[in-house]
């Protein structure tokens, strides 16, 4: 995911949230949750770099 452009990370978040909120989405839910968490982690790293803050 690190190679993806920022717009990809931004646009992926609401899609993943919609899929996770679907009560009928039972298959691959763990993988989808991991994708959402990874997306947030990478998006946060990009935001920190843009703001000039150090990564933790």
Protein backbone atom coordinates (compact mmCIF):
# COMPACT_ATOMS: atom_id res chain seq x y z
CA UNK A 1 0.00 0.00 0.00
CA UNK A 2 2.99 2.30 0.49
CA UNK A 3 3.37 2.60 -3.29
CA UNK A 4 -0.21 3.79 -3.77
CA UNK A 5 -0.91 7.48 -4.39
CA UNK A 6 -2.57 9.50 -1.64
CA UNK A 7 -5.90 9.69 -3.48
CA UNK A 8 -6.06 5.88 -3.43
CA UNK A 9 -5.77 5.78 0.35
CA UNK A 10 -8.32 8.56 0.70
CA UNK A 11 -10.85 6.92 -1.63
CA UNK A 12 -10.36 3.43 -0.20
CA UNK A 13 -11.41 4.42 3.32
CA UNK A 14 -15.15 5.08 2.69
CA UNK A 15 -15.41 1.99 0.50
CA UNK A 16 -13.93 -0.21 3.23
CA UNK A 17 -16.12 1.45 5.87
CA UNK A 18 -19.24 0.79 3.80
CA UNK A 19 -18.34 -2.84 3.32
CA UNK A 20 -17.53 -3.29 7.01
CA UNK A 21 -20.86 -1.77 8.04
CA UNK A 22 -22.82 -4.23 5.90
CA UNK A 23 -24.36 -6.78 8.31
CA UNK A 24 -24.43 -9.39 5.52
CA UNK A 25 -20.70 -9.09 4.81
CA UNK A 26 -19.39 -12.13 6.65
CA UNK A 27 -16.92 -13.58 4.18
CA UNK A 28 -13.44 -12.07 4.28
CA UNK A 29 -14.42 -9.68 7.07
CA UNK A 30 -11.09 -10.13 8.87
CA UNK A 31 -9.15 -9.36 5.69
CA UNK A 32 -11.31 -6.30 5.08
CA UNK A 33 -10.77 -5.07 8.64
CA UNK A 34 -7.01 -5.53 8.19
CA UNK A 35 -7.13 -3.58 4.93
CA UNK A 36 -8.98 -0.75 6.69
CA UNK A 37 -6.45 -0.69 9.55
CA UNK A 38 -3.49 -0.76 7.16
CA UNK A 39 -5.03 2.00 5.09
CA UNK A 40 -5.42 4.18 8.17
CA UNK A 41 -1.84 3.51 9.24
CA UNK A 42 -0.42 4.47 5.83
CA UNK A 43 -2.68 7.52 5.54
CA UNK A 44 -1.50 8.65 8.98
CA UNK A 45 2.15 8.26 7.95
CA UNK A 46 1.52 10.41 4.86
CA UNK A 47 -0.22 13.06 6.96
CA UNK A 48 2.68 13.19 9.42
CA UNK A 49 5.20 13.59 6.62
CA UNK A 50 3.20 16.42 5.09
CA UNK A 51 2.92 18.20 8.44
CA UNK A 52 6.66 17.84 9.05
CA UNK A 53 6.16 15.76 12.18
CA UNK A 54 8.29 12.79 13.06
CA UNK A 55 6.93 9.30 12.57
CA UNK A 56 6.48 7.13 15.63
